[in-house]
Amino acid sequence: MKKILVIEDNVEIAGLLRDVLVKEGYAVVLCYDGCQGTEFTHREKPDLIVLDLMMPAGGGFYVLEKIKLSIHTKKIPVVVLTA
């Protein structure tokens, strides 16, 4: 089963994304800030990341930079989500 990481500080939006993706057959992990999301990405290497840009504790641009600079995570696709 493919694992998708959703990094989103808004609990309602994160839950909605999780519900939709789970119905489509994906395993979904939620992280509510950038630091948590970056740590999870490096540890677990999800198949896809859905990333909010405007977050506390490491905004989306910071997270994206950290993911794409690492040889271990730079090939993980990232979908950017923002209001």
C-alpha atoms as a PDB file:
ATOM      1  CA  MET A   1       0.000   0.000   0.000  1.00  0.00           C
ATOM      2  CA  LYS A   2       1.374   3.428  -0.960  1.00  0.00           C
ATOM      3  CA  LYS A   3       2.008   5.815   1.939  1.00  0.00           C
ATOM      4  CA  ILE A   4       1.110   9.494   1.659  1.00  0.00           C
ATOM      5  CA  LEU A   5       2.313  12.060   4.163  1.00  0.00           C
ATOM      6  CA  VAL A   6       0.075  15.093   4.650  1.00  0.00           C
ATOM      7  CA  ILE A   7       1.855  18.025   6.291  1.00  0.00           C
ATOM      8  CA  GLU A   8      -0.918  20.484   7.195  1.00  0.00           C
ATOM      9  CA  ASP A   9      -1.394  22.571  10.339  1.00  0.00           C
ATOM     10  CA  ASN A  10      -5.161  22.935   9.911  1.00  0.00           C
ATOM     11  CA  VAL A  11      -6.705  19.897  11.606  1.00  0.00           C
ATOM     12  CA  GLU A  12      -9.928  20.044   9.589  1.00  0.00           C
ATOM     13  CA  ILE A  13      -8.174  20.236   6.221  1.00  0.00           C
ATOM     14  CA  ALA A  14      -5.734  17.483   7.219  1.00  0.00           C
ATOM     15  CA  GLY A  15      -8.631  15.248   8.259  1.00  0.00           C
ATOM     16  CA  LEU A  16     -10.510  15.894   5.028  1.00  0.00           C
ATOM     17  CA  LEU A  17      -7.443  15.049   2.950  1.00  0.00           C
ATOM     18  CA  ARG A  18      -6.877  11.893   5.007  1.00  0.00           C
ATOM     19  CA  ASP A  19     -10.488  10.752   4.537  1.00  0.00           C
ATOM     20  CA  VAL A  20     -10.391  11.248   0.757  1.00  0.00           C
ATOM     21  CA  LEU A  21      -7.022   9.527   0.337  1.00  0.00           C
ATOM     22  CA  VAL A  22      -7.906   6.579   2.590  1.00  0.00           C
ATOM     23  CA  LYS A  23     -11.087   6.003   0.549  1.00  0.00           C
ATOM     24  CA  GLU A  24      -8.848   5.778  -2.517  1.00  0.00           C
ATOM     25  CA  GLY A  25      -6.795   3.031  -0.871  1.00  0.00           C
ATOM     26  CA  TYR A  26      -3.745   4.898   0.439  1.00  0.00           C
ATOM     27  CA  ALA A  27      -2.139   4.712   3.858  1.00  0.00           C
ATOM     28  CA  VAL A  28      -2.077   8.270   5.186  1.00  0.00           C
ATOM     29  CA  VAL A  29       0.050   9.818   7.901  1.00  0.00           C
ATOM     30  CA  LEU A  30      -0.699  13.318   9.212  1.00  0.00           C
ATOM     31  CA  CYS A  31       1.893  15.764  10.528  1.00  0.00           C
ATOM     32  CA  TYR A  32       0.736  19.134  11.815  1.00  0.00           C
ATOM     33  CA  ASP A  33       3.921  21.181  11.468  1.00  0.00           C
ATOM     34  CA  GLY A  34       6.975  21.371   9.258  1.00  0.00           C
ATOM     35  CA  CYS A  35       9.505  20.046  11.759  1.00  0.00           C
ATOM     36  CA  GLN A  36       7.413  16.954  12.448  1.00  0.00           C
ATOM     37  CA  GLY A  37       6.871  16.452   8.710  1.00  0.00           C
ATOM     38  CA  THR A  38      10.563  16.784   7.874  1.00  0.00           C
ATOM     39  CA  GLU A  39      11.549  14.299  10.567  1.00  0.00           C
ATOM     40  CA  PHE A  40       8.917  11.795   9.403  1.00  0.00           C
ATOM     41  CA  THR A  41       9.988  12.164   5.768  1.00  0.00           C
ATOM     42  CA  HIS A  42      13.617  11.395   6.520  1.00  0.00           C
ATOM     43  CA  ARG A  43      12.725   8.477   8.795  1.00  0.00           C
ATOM     44  CA  GLU A  44       9.912   6.796   6.828  1.00  0.00           C
ATOM     45  CA  LYS A  45      10.344   7.998   3.206  1.00  0.00           C
ATOM     46  CA  PRO A  46       6.688   8.207   2.126  1.00  0.00           C
ATOM     47  CA  ASP A  47       5.675   7.666  -1.510  1.00  0.00           C
ATOM     48  CA  LEU A  48       4.126  11.148  -1.801  1.00  0.00           C
ATOM     49  CA  ILE A  49       3.926  14.296   0.315  1.00  0.00           C
ATOM     50  CA  VAL A  50       1.027  16.759   0.341  1.00  0.00           C
ATOM     51  CA  LEU A  51       2.527  19.945   1.786  1.00  0.00           C
ATOM     52  CA  ASP A  52       0.906  23.125   3.075  1.00  0.00           C
ATOM     53  CA  LEU A  53       3.113  26.176   2.564  1.00  0.00           C
ATOM     54  CA  MET A  54       1.892  28.384   5.415  1.00  0.00           C
ATOM     55  CA  MET A  55       2.630  26.612   8.721  1.00  0.00           C
ATOM     56  CA  PRO A  56       4.304  27.280  12.045  1.00  0.00           C
ATOM     57  CA  ALA A  57       7.430  25.391  13.169  1.00  0.00           C
ATOM     58  CA  GLY A  58       9.059  25.176   9.774  1.00  0.00           C
ATOM     59  CA  GLY A  59       6.986  26.596   6.932  1.00  0.00           C
ATOM     60  CA  GLY A  60       6.362  24.691   3.737  1.00  0.00           C
ATOM     61  CA  PHE A  61       9.197  26.312   1.794  1.00  0.00           C
ATOM     62  CA  TYR A  62      11.650  25.280   4.520  1.00  0.00           C
ATOM     63  CA  VAL A  63      10.305  21.720   4.522  1.00  0.00           C
ATOM     64  CA  LEU A  64      10.471  21.524   0.733  1.00  0.00           C
ATOM     65  CA  GLU A  65      14.060  22.761   0.753  1.00  0.00           C
ATOM     66  CA  LYS A  66      15.106  20.183   3.369  1.00  0.00           C
ATOM     67  CA  ILE A  67      13.410  17.357   1.469  1.00  0.00           C
ATOM     68  CA  LYS A  68      14.864  18.286  -1.912  1.00  0.00           C
ATOM     69  CA  LEU A  69      18.411  18.874  -0.635  1.00  0.00           C
ATOM     70  CA  SER A  70      18.750  15.389   0.841  1.00  0.00           C
ATOM     71  CA  ILE A  71      19.893  12.593  -1.472  1.00  0.00           C
ATOM     72  CA  HIS A  72      17.662  10.226   0.520  1.00  0.00           C
ATOM     73  CA  THR A  73      14.409  12.149  -0.003  1.00  0.00           C
ATOM     74  CA  LYS A  74      14.855  14.415  -3.025  1.00  0.00           C
ATOM     75  CA  LYS A  75      12.988  12.085  -5.403  1.00  0.00           C
ATOM     76  CA  ILE A  76       9.836  11.929  -3.268  1.00  0.00           C
ATOM     77  CA  PRO A  77       7.088  13.773  -5.170  1.00  0.00           C
ATOM     78  CA  VAL A  78       5.569  16.755  -3.367  1.00  0.00           C
ATOM     79  CA  VAL A  79       2.162  18.304  -4.034  1.00  0.00           C
ATOM     80  CA  VAL A  80       2.001  21.840  -2.643  1.00  0.00           C
ATOM     81  CA  LEU A  81      -1.289  22.861  -1.086  1.00  0.00           C
ATOM     82  CA  THR A  82      -1.982  26.418   0.016  1.00  0.00           C
ATOM     83  CA  ALA A  83      -4.812  28.854   0.506  1.00  0.00           C
END
